[in-house]
Amino acid sequence: MPSVYNWQLGRNMSYPYEEQHPRRQFAFVFNINRCIGCQTCTMACKSTWTCFKGQELFWWNNVESKPYGGYPQDWDSRLLTMLEQANPGGQVWRTSERDAERSPYGRFEGLTIFEAAERLAAPEAPRAALGYLPTDDEWRHPNIYEDTPTGDAFGGPDAAGISAELPEHRIWFFHLARICNHCTYPACLASCPRQAIYKRPEDGIVLIDQHRCRGYRKCVEGCPYKKAMYRPNTHTSEKCTGCFPRIEGQDPAISPGGVPVETRCMAACVGKIRLQGLVSIAEDGTWEHDPANPIYYLVRQRRVALPLYPQFGTEPNGFYIPPRWVPRPYLVQMFGPGVDHALEQYSCPDRELLAVLQLFRAQRDILFRFAVEQGPKIGEIEVQMPSGETRVQEIFNDTVLGYNERGDEVVRLTIEEPTFERPAELHLNSI
């Protein structure tokens, strides 16, 4: 296989195709700490894209309760087990080798799904990516184990150790919202024998050409996140389209000015956990330095948002702010070794980071730039850090501004929410 560079792994890796990159990349950040599991995003996507015959089991957007939930069921634990079996004890990170641009999380020493596939012997080989086809039963319950916690409420062999590492919770679960990550090195694309899957050069969105697809389900097998799905009545596979008409600004009803706007799942989010954007990509595949872009700022500048299972090797372009209360080993397995740094940043944000966090789901237009106007100090609070220490956080009533692709100001928010008083005069109910 050709060798390509994966900045999330901090090294070159094997991939079936030569390295090439879009001009801009569709990317998003989800703040898990805010997700309430209402499934509004799920139903927004379902009612827009997958409400037709043959798509009954399609949930391009889903929200699963970890650690037990998953759609399809056990999608991540099954693949993690397969990788461990392919490379016993070798799926580890070397965190001493960190570089802000080329390897921000260190170097992953284990096997990716592409490298593990190279080691397969017949009859499993040849395969482009290590994977599996879920059974029909595994697709039938999109919200299985919803709100099901783990831990021992009455004490147990691990209770004392966990409680001593506050602020981790002894009893915990969290909501993990998922869509297609529109990966830099998509396993669905790598696995398709028909070359029916392609990555758009203008925005990096990964699509399936329905005219070329023959329904072999190799994409379903290869995608580690199981976001390619088979439609039995058309005998083709389908996946999240990234709501590309919205990204193109081609829907006059919601984007009369022709600027990129958020996808349906983003725009419907009740908990304001989502921030979506487009980042500029350099010729070598790294993100061009652009700290005024909110996505770049959160992912590359502050490293408060992390990729989901970066060890799979697809370089996903979906990023998550990890939940504060979950045991660290579980989070490290899911988001890599950048968890401690991300939680330190998020638990006690400085005034600039706090301002940027206000931009989540604040505007329908995709934000390409932000600015912060400083305001007066309005308070102090004590914050218990993940390390156990207590810090004093100063709160300033700064104003954050967001700008769309044209440079128009479309967001203006203050840290302190304004209050309004109703007029004293009585207004009778006209009904």
Protein backbone atom coordinates (compact mmCIF):
# COMPACT_ATOMS: atom_id res chain seq x y z
CA MET A 1 0.00 0.00 0.00
CA PRO A 2 1.11 3.62 -0.51
CA SER A 3 2.32 5.55 2.53
CA VAL A 4 0.36 8.62 3.67
CA TYR A 5 0.82 10.98 6.61
CA ASN A 6 -1.75 10.98 9.40
CA TRP A 7 -1.27 13.95 11.73
CA GLN A 8 -3.60 12.44 14.34
CA LEU A 9 -1.29 9.41 14.63
CA GLY A 10 1.88 11.45 14.31
CA ARG A 11 3.34 9.19 11.61
CA ASN A 12 3.03 7.75 8.13
CA MET A 13 0.68 4.83 7.64
CA SER A 14 -0.47 2.50 4.88
CA TYR A 15 -3.50 3.41 2.77
CA PRO A 16 -4.71 1.88 -0.54
CA TYR A 17 -4.55 5.18 -2.46
CA GLU A 18 -1.94 7.87 -2.91
CA GLU A 19 -2.22 10.92 -0.67
CA GLN A 20 -4.38 13.78 -1.95
CA HIS A 21 -6.38 16.40 -0.12
CA PRO A 22 -9.33 18.75 -0.69
CA ARG A 23 -8.97 22.53 -0.76
CA ARG A 24 -11.20 22.83 2.28
CA GLN A 25 -12.41 20.19 4.71
CA PHE A 26 -15.86 19.83 6.27
CA ALA A 27 -15.29 19.43 10.02
CA PHE A 28 -17.25 19.71 13.25
CA VAL A 29 -16.88 19.81 17.03
CA PHE A 30 -19.38 18.24 19.44
CA ASN A 31 -19.32 19.22 23.13
CA ILE A 32 -20.39 16.04 24.89
CA ASN A 33 -20.65 17.85 28.22
CA ARG A 34 -23.74 19.64 26.90
CA CYS A 35 -25.55 16.77 25.15
CA ILE A 36 -28.86 15.85 26.81
CA GLY A 37 -29.64 12.90 24.52
CA CYS A 38 -32.89 14.40 23.23
CA GLN A 39 -32.42 12.84 19.75
CA THR A 40 -33.64 16.02 18.03
CA CYS A 41 -30.64 15.87 15.71
CA THR A 42 -31.41 12.23 14.98
CA MET A 43 -34.97 12.94 13.94
CA ALA A 44 -33.99 16.03 11.94
CA CYS A 45 -31.69 13.90 9.80
CA LYS A 46 -34.18 11.03 9.64
CA SER A 47 -37.05 13.21 8.46
CA THR A 48 -34.88 14.92 5.85
CA TRP A 49 -32.76 12.16 4.31
CA THR A 50 -33.75 8.65 5.42
CA CYS A 51 -37.53 8.52 5.71
CA PHE A 52 -38.17 6.45 2.57
CA LYS A 53 -38.79 2.79 1.81
CA GLY A 54 -35.74 0.64 2.42
CA GLN A 55 -34.25 3.17 4.83
CA GLU A 56 -36.13 2.05 7.92
CA LEU A 57 -32.92 1.10 9.72
CA PHE A 58 -30.91 4.07 8.45
CA TRP A 59 -29.80 6.43 11.22
CA TRP A 60 -27.08 8.56 9.65
CA ASN A 61 -27.14 10.69 12.78
CA ASN A 62 -27.55 8.85 16.05
CA VAL A 63 -26.97 9.57 19.73
CA GLU A 64 -25.84 6.58 21.77
CA SER A 65 -25.40 6.28 25.53
CA LYS A 66 -21.91 5.13 26.41
CA PRO A 67 -20.49 2.83 27.61
CA TYR A 68 -23.15 0.26 26.64
CA GLY A 69 -25.04 1.85 23.76
CA GLY A 70 -24.07 1.72 20.12
CA TYR A 71 -25.51 1.68 16.62
CA PRO A 72 -24.96 -0.90 15.33
CA GLN A 73 -24.64 -2.57 18.69
CA ASP A 74 -21.05 -2.92 19.99
CA TRP A 75 -19.60 -1.38 16.81
CA ASP A 76 -16.57 0.06 18.57
CA SER A 77 -15.79 -2.64 21.13
CA ARG A 78 -15.90 -5.32 18.43
CA LEU A 79 -13.37 -3.54 16.25
CA LEU A 80 -11.13 -2.66 19.20
CA THR A 81 -11.07 -6.36 20.07
CA MET A 82 -10.19 -7.30 16.49
CA LEU A 83 -7.29 -4.83 16.48
CA GLU A 84 -6.00 -6.12 19.79
CA GLN A 85 -6.13 -9.68 18.49
CA ALA A 86 -4.18 -8.61 15.39
CA ASN A 87 -1.55 -6.83 17.49
CA PRO A 88 -1.61 -8.14 21.10
CA GLY A 89 -0.35 -5.53 23.53
CA GLY A 90 0.88 -3.26 20.75
CA GLN A 91 -1.96 -0.75 20.43
CA VAL A 92 -0.15 1.95 22.41
CA TRP A 93 0.76 5.63 22.13
CA ARG A 94 4.19 7.18 22.59
CA THR A 95 3.24 10.53 24.06
CA SER A 96 6.80 11.82 24.45
CA GLU A 97 7.01 12.48 20.70
CA ARG A 98 4.69 15.46 20.40
CA ASP A 99 4.86 18.25 17.86
CA ALA A 100 2.20 20.97 17.68
CA GLU A 101 1.76 20.66 13.91
CA ARG A 102 2.81 17.16 12.88
CA SER A 103 1.93 15.05 15.94
CA PRO A 104 -0.10 16.98 18.54
CA TYR A 105 -1.11 13.81 20.44
CA GLY A 106 2.16 11.94 20.17
CA ARG A 107 2.89 8.89 18.01
CA PHE A 108 0.63 5.86 17.75
CA GLU A 109 2.74 2.71 17.68
CA GLY A 110 -0.05 0.22 17.01
CA LEU A 111 -1.75 -1.00 13.84
CA THR A 112 -4.45 0.94 12.03
CA ILE A 113 -7.33 -0.90 10.38
CA PHE A 114 -5.45 -0.62 7.06
CA GLU A 115 -2.19 -2.00 8.45
CA ALA A 116 -3.95 -4.79 10.32
CA ALA A 117 -5.64 -5.82 7.05
CA GLU A 118 -2.22 -6.23 5.43
CA ARG A 119 -1.41 -8.96 7.96
CA LEU A 120 -4.53 -11.00 7.25
CA ALA A 121 -4.00 -14.44 5.81
CA ALA A 122 -6.27 -16.25 3.34
CA PRO A 123 -9.22 -16.62 3.10
CA GLU A 124 -9.73 -13.21 4.81
CA ALA A 125 -7.12 -11.50 2.65
CA PRO A 126 -6.95 -9.43 0.57
CA ARG A 127 -8.92 -6.68 2.30
CA ALA A 128 -8.33 -2.96 2.29
CA ALA A 129 -9.40 -2.47 5.90
CA LEU A 130 -9.99 -4.65 8.93
CA GLY A 131 -13.71 -4.75 9.62
CA TYR A 132 -16.86 -6.84 9.85
CA LEU A 133 -20.47 -6.92 8.66
CA PRO A 134 -22.95 -6.39 11.51
CA THR A 135 -25.82 -8.84 11.81
CA ASP A 136 -29.40 -7.75 11.22
CA ASP A 137 -30.05 -7.86 14.97
CA GLU A 138 -27.24 -5.38 15.62
CA TRP A 139 -28.95 -2.79 13.40
CA ARG A 140 -32.39 -3.03 14.96
CA HIS A 141 -32.02 -0.89 18.09
CA PRO A 142 -30.63 2.60 17.42
CA ASN A 143 -31.07 3.67 21.06
CA ILE A 144 -30.28 0.42 22.86
CA TYR A 145 -29.19 0.93 26.50
CA GLU A 146 -30.19 4.57 26.33
CA ASP A 147 -29.42 6.33 29.64
CA THR A 148 -28.00 3.10 31.10
CA PRO A 149 -25.20 3.91 33.56
CA THR A 150 -22.25 1.86 34.71
CA GLY A 151 -20.60 1.66 38.13
CA ASP A 152 -21.44 0.36 41.59
CA ALA A 153 -23.68 2.66 43.60
CA PHE A 154 -23.14 0.68 46.80
CA GLY A 155 -19.38 0.37 46.68
CA GLY A 156 -17.37 -2.39 45.13
CA PRO A 157 -13.84 -3.42 44.27
CA ASP A 158 -13.26 -0.30 42.16
CA ALA A 159 -15.45 2.20 43.95
CA ALA A 160 -12.81 3.50 46.36
CA GLY A 161 -10.24 4.02 43.63
CA ILE A 162 -12.64 5.87 41.37
CA SER A 163 -14.05 8.10 44.11
CA ALA A 164 -10.51 9.07 45.12
CA GLU A 165 -9.95 10.51 41.65
CA LEU A 166 -12.68 13.10 41.69
CA PRO A 167 -14.23 14.75 39.72
CA GLU A 168 -14.75 11.36 38.04
CA HIS A 169 -18.15 9.96 38.91
CA ARG A 170 -18.65 6.54 40.44
CA ILE A 171 -21.87 6.10 38.46
CA TRP A 172 -21.67 7.48 34.94
CA PHE A 173 -22.78 7.43 31.34
CA PHE A 174 -22.71 10.03 28.60
CA HIS A 175 -24.33 10.73 25.26
CA LEU A 176 -22.18 10.34 22.15
CA ALA A 177 -23.70 12.04 19.10
CA ARG A 178 -22.35 10.61 15.84
CA ILE A 179 -22.51 11.32 12.13
CA CYS A 180 -20.17 10.33 9.31
CA ASN A 181 -16.74 11.81 10.06
CA HIS A 182 -15.99 12.47 6.36
CA CYS A 183 -12.53 11.11 7.06
CA THR A 184 -9.34 12.25 5.40
CA TYR A 185 -8.57 8.58 4.65
CA PRO A 186 -12.04 6.99 4.43
CA ALA A 187 -12.14 3.25 4.98
CA CYS A 188 -15.41 3.05 3.03
CA LEU A 189 -13.69 4.57 0.01
CA ALA A 190 -10.67 2.31 0.42
CA SER A 191 -12.84 -0.81 0.65
CA CYS A 192 -15.12 -0.20 -2.35
CA PRO A 193 -14.16 -2.49 -5.27
CA ARG A 194 -16.25 -0.38 -7.67
CA GLN A 195 -14.62 2.96 -6.79
CA ALA A 196 -18.14 4.25 -6.25
CA ILE A 197 -17.12 6.34 -3.23
CA TYR A 198 -15.31 9.62 -3.63
CA LYS A 199 -14.16 12.59 -1.56
CA ARG A 200 -15.16 15.98 -2.96
CA PRO A 201 -12.18 18.25 -3.66
CA GLU A 202 -14.06 21.42 -2.74
CA ASP A 203 -15.09 20.48 0.81
CA GLY A 204 -13.88 16.95 1.62
CA ILE A 205 -17.39 15.52 1.96
CA VAL A 206 -17.44 11.77 1.22
CA LEU A 207 -20.26 10.58 -1.07
CA ILE A 208 -21.40 7.35 -2.77
CA ASP A 209 -22.12 7.40 -6.50
CA GLN A 210 -25.42 5.53 -6.68
CA HIS A 211 -24.91 4.74 -10.39
CA ARG A 212 -21.64 2.90 -9.74
CA CYS A 213 -22.59 1.17 -6.47
CA ARG A 214 -23.55 -2.50 -6.78
CA GLY A 215 -24.33 -3.13 -3.12
CA TYR A 216 -21.35 -5.37 -2.29
CA ARG A 217 -21.40 -3.87 1.24
CA LYS A 218 -17.62 -3.68 1.38
CA CYS A 219 -18.02 -0.08 2.57
CA VAL A 220 -20.28 -1.26 5.39
CA GLU A 221 -17.70 -3.85 6.36
CA GLY A 222 -14.75 -1.47 6.12
CA CYS A 223 -16.07 1.67 7.81
CA PRO A 224 -14.91 1.45 11.45
CA TYR A 225 -17.69 3.82 12.56
CA LYS A 226 -20.36 1.86 10.65
CA LYS A 227 -21.76 4.95 8.95
CA ALA A 228 -22.16 3.39 5.51
CA MET A 229 -25.46 1.47 5.35
CA TYR A 230 -27.01 -0.98 2.90
CA ARG A 231 -30.45 -0.32 1.36
CA PRO A 232 -32.02 -3.65 0.42
CA ASN A 233 -34.71 -2.45 -1.99
CA THR A 234 -32.23 -0.59 -4.22
CA HIS A 235 -29.28 -2.96 -3.60
CA THR A 236 -26.98 -0.01 -2.98
CA SER A 237 -25.20 1.51 0.00
CA GLU A 238 -25.91 5.01 1.26
CA LYS A 239 -24.37 7.31 3.84
CA CYS A 240 -24.47 10.80 5.32
CA THR A 241 -24.17 13.40 2.56
CA GLY A 242 -22.97 16.19 4.83
CA CYS A 243 -26.11 18.08 3.67
CA PHE A 244 -23.89 19.27 0.82
CA PRO A 245 -26.55 21.58 -0.72
CA ARG A 246 -26.40 23.57 2.51
CA ILE A 247 -22.60 23.55 2.55
CA GLU A 248 -22.65 24.85 -1.03
CA GLY A 249 -25.11 27.61 -0.07
CA GLN A 250 -27.46 26.38 -2.79
CA ASP A 251 -30.71 26.35 -0.79
CA PRO A 252 -32.35 29.76 -1.29
CA ALA A 253 -34.88 29.12 1.49
CA ILE A 254 -32.21 29.05 4.19
CA SER A 255 -29.24 30.68 2.48
CA PRO A 256 -30.52 33.54 0.31
CA GLY A 257 -27.03 35.05 0.23
CA GLY A 258 -25.41 31.85 -1.05
CA VAL A 259 -23.15 31.34 1.97
CA PRO A 260 -22.51 27.92 3.57
CA VAL A 261 -24.98 27.07 6.33
CA GLU A 262 -25.07 24.33 8.94
CA THR A 263 -26.38 20.84 8.24
CA ARG A 264 -29.81 19.70 9.43
CA CYS A 265 -28.52 17.85 12.50
CA MET A 266 -26.43 20.87 13.51
CA ALA A 267 -29.22 23.40 13.03
CA ALA A 268 -31.72 21.34 15.06
CA CYS A 269 -29.50 20.82 18.12
CA VAL A 270 -31.38 21.76 21.28
CA GLY A 271 -28.45 21.43 23.67
CA LYS A 272 -26.18 23.68 21.56
CA ILE A 273 -23.46 21.04 21.55
CA ARG A 274 -22.49 21.46 17.88
CA LEU A 275 -20.17 23.74 15.95
CA GLN A 276 -19.52 23.14 12.27
CA GLY A 277 -17.04 24.64 9.87
CA LEU A 278 -14.74 24.41 6.88
CA VAL A 279 -10.98 24.47 7.41
CA SER A 280 -8.35 25.22 4.77
CA ILE A 281 -6.01 22.33 3.93
CA ALA A 282 -2.38 22.76 2.89
CA GLU A 283 -0.81 20.71 0.10
CA ASP A 284 0.86 18.37 2.62
CA GLY A 285 -2.53 17.57 4.20
CA THR A 286 -2.06 19.58 7.37
CA TRP A 287 -4.50 22.30 8.37
CA GLU A 288 -3.41 25.75 7.29
CA HIS A 289 -2.68 27.98 10.27
CA ASP A 290 -5.90 29.90 10.90
CA PRO A 291 -6.45 30.52 14.63
CA ALA A 292 -9.36 32.89 13.92
CA ASN A 293 -11.39 29.97 12.51
CA PRO A 294 -13.42 28.55 15.45
CA ILE A 295 -12.88 24.92 14.38
CA TYR A 296 -9.14 25.38 13.91
CA TYR A 297 -8.96 27.22 17.22
CA LEU A 298 -10.65 24.44 19.20
CA VAL A 299 -8.96 21.50 17.46
CA ARG A 300 -5.44 22.64 16.59
CA GLN A 301 -4.80 25.83 18.58
CA ARG A 302 -6.20 24.80 21.97
CA ARG A 303 -6.57 21.03 21.42
CA VAL A 304 -9.73 20.98 23.53
CA ALA A 305 -11.61 18.92 20.90
CA LEU A 306 -10.33 15.44 19.99
CA PRO A 307 -10.94 12.89 17.20
CA LEU A 308 -13.07 9.81 17.85
CA TYR A 309 -10.92 6.64 17.88
CA PRO A 310 -7.95 8.18 16.05
CA GLN A 311 -6.14 4.83 16.33
CA PHE A 312 -8.40 3.42 13.61
CA GLY A 313 -6.29 5.46 11.17
CA THR A 314 -8.96 7.16 9.04
CA GLU A 315 -8.09 10.66 10.36
CA PRO A 316 -11.73 11.55 11.13
CA ASN A 317 -12.82 15.17 10.79
CA GLY A 318 -15.33 14.97 13.63
CA PHE A 319 -13.99 16.13 17.01
CA TYR A 320 -15.34 15.93 20.55
CA ILE A 321 -14.84 17.84 23.79
CA PRO A 322 -14.65 14.90 26.24
CA PRO A 323 -17.05 14.65 29.21
CA ARG A 324 -15.47 15.72 32.51
CA TRP A 325 -16.95 13.06 34.82
CA VAL A 326 -15.93 9.85 32.99
CA PRO A 327 -12.96 7.66 34.09
CA ARG A 328 -9.84 8.70 32.20
CA PRO A 329 -8.82 5.28 30.81
CA TYR A 330 -12.16 4.98 29.04
CA LEU A 331 -11.81 8.44 27.51
CA VAL A 332 -8.20 7.84 26.45
CA GLN A 333 -9.27 4.66 24.66
CA MET A 334 -11.97 6.62 22.84
CA PHE A 335 -10.25 9.94 22.11
CA GLY A 336 -6.53 9.26 22.45
CA PRO A 337 -3.89 10.62 24.84
CA GLY A 338 -4.93 14.26 24.44
CA VAL A 339 -7.75 13.81 26.98
CA ASP A 340 -5.95 15.22 30.04
CA HIS A 341 -4.94 18.38 28.20
CA ALA A 342 -8.43 18.84 26.73
CA LEU A 343 -10.12 18.48 30.11
CA GLU A 344 -7.68 20.87 31.76
CA GLN A 345 -8.52 23.44 29.08
CA TYR A 346 -12.27 22.91 29.27
CA SER A 347 -12.63 22.68 33.05
CA CYS A 348 -11.21 26.15 33.63
CA PRO A 349 -11.24 28.02 30.30
CA ASP A 350 -9.48 31.34 29.94
CA ARG A 351 -11.48 34.31 28.69
CA GLU A 352 -10.80 33.69 24.98
CA LEU A 353 -11.74 30.00 25.10
CA LEU A 354 -14.81 30.77 27.17
CA ALA A 355 -15.90 33.27 24.54
CA VAL A 356 -15.44 30.82 21.65
CA LEU A 357 -17.47 28.19 23.51
CA GLN A 358 -20.46 30.54 23.28
CA LEU A 359 -20.52 30.15 19.48
CA PHE A 360 -21.89 26.60 19.52
CA ARG A 361 -25.21 26.51 17.63
CA ALA A 362 -25.48 30.29 17.86
CA GLN A 363 -26.07 30.94 14.16
CA ARG A 364 -27.26 29.08 11.08
CA ASP A 365 -24.44 30.42 8.88
CA ILE A 366 -21.17 28.52 9.13
CA LEU A 367 -18.63 30.68 10.96
CA PHE A 368 -15.29 31.22 9.26
CA ARG A 369 -13.86 33.75 11.69
CA PHE A 370 -14.37 35.00 15.23
CA ALA A 371 -13.20 37.98 17.24
CA VAL A 372 -13.41 38.83 20.94
CA GLU A 373 -14.08 42.28 22.36
CA GLN A 374 -12.91 42.40 25.96
CA GLY A 375 -15.26 43.53 28.71
CA PRO A 376 -15.12 44.15 32.46
CA LYS A 377 -14.48 41.51 35.09
CA ILE A 378 -17.78 40.34 36.58
CA GLY A 379 -16.86 37.53 38.95
CA GLU A 380 -14.68 34.71 40.19
CA ILE A 381 -15.48 31.05 40.81
CA GLU A 382 -13.54 28.16 42.29
CA VAL A 383 -13.12 25.24 39.90
CA GLN A 384 -12.09 21.71 40.83
CA MET A 385 -9.71 20.52 38.12
CA PRO A 386 -9.44 16.95 36.80
CA SER A 387 -6.06 16.75 38.53
CA GLY A 388 -7.76 17.35 41.89
CA GLU A 389 -6.42 20.86 42.46
CA THR A 390 -8.68 23.88 42.85
CA ARG A 391 -8.27 26.95 40.67
CA VAL A 392 -9.90 30.35 40.70
CA GLN A 393 -11.45 31.25 37.37
CA GLU A 394 -11.93 34.92 36.56
CA ILE A 395 -15.05 35.71 34.53
CA PHE A 396 -15.07 38.67 32.15
CA ASN A 397 -18.10 39.95 30.30
CA ASP A 398 -16.42 39.73 26.91
CA THR A 399 -18.29 39.88 23.61
CA VAL A 400 -17.64 37.27 20.92
CA LEU A 401 -18.37 38.04 17.29
CA GLY A 402 -18.78 35.48 14.50
CA TYR A 403 -18.42 36.09 10.76
CA ASN A 404 -19.67 34.05 7.80
CA GLU A 405 -17.85 33.27 4.55
CA ARG A 406 -18.51 36.75 3.14
CA GLY A 407 -17.11 38.38 6.26
CA ASP A 408 -20.53 39.54 7.46
CA GLU A 409 -21.03 39.71 11.22
CA VAL A 410 -23.77 37.18 12.00
CA VAL A 411 -23.20 36.55 15.73
CA ARG A 412 -22.67 38.91 18.67
CA LEU A 413 -22.89 37.37 22.14
CA THR A 414 -21.79 38.41 25.61
CA ILE A 415 -20.54 36.04 28.29
CA GLU A 416 -23.14 37.34 30.74
CA GLU A 417 -26.58 36.67 29.33
CA PRO A 418 -28.73 39.82 29.23
CA THR A 419 -31.89 40.06 31.33
CA PHE A 420 -35.11 41.74 30.32
CA GLU A 421 -37.95 43.06 32.48
CA ARG A 422 -41.52 43.16 31.30
CA PRO A 423 -43.14 46.60 31.40
CA ALA A 424 -45.09 47.40 34.54
CA GLU A 425 -48.36 48.18 32.73
CA LEU A 426 -50.91 45.39 32.50
CA HIS A 427 -51.50 43.68 29.15
CA LEU A 428 -54.77 41.79 28.95
CA ASN A 429 -54.86 38.42 27.25
CA SER A 430 -56.45 39.11 23.88
CA ILE A 431 -57.64 35.52 23.61
